[in-house]
Amino acid sequence: MKRNKTITKDDYLRANRKASRELEISLYGHPLQHQRIHKSKKVYDRNKMKAGDKRLPFLLSA
């Protein structure tokens, strides 16, 4: 006699997460990051400033 396996809440959530992740990968080609920390615009970022200087045709010196 076989027992019917009941689906628990954890099984349901795990299956939905897996399906959602596979759908994201098929749509975008890579998994998306949902828990990324928001970076403040007020934070000093030297690399971003240096990247902006590359568009200048010459170096300005004061």
Foldseek 3Di string as FASTA:
>chain_A
DDDDDDQDPVNVVVVVVVVVQVVCCVVPVHGDDDPDDDDDPPDDDVVVVVVVVVVDPDDDDD
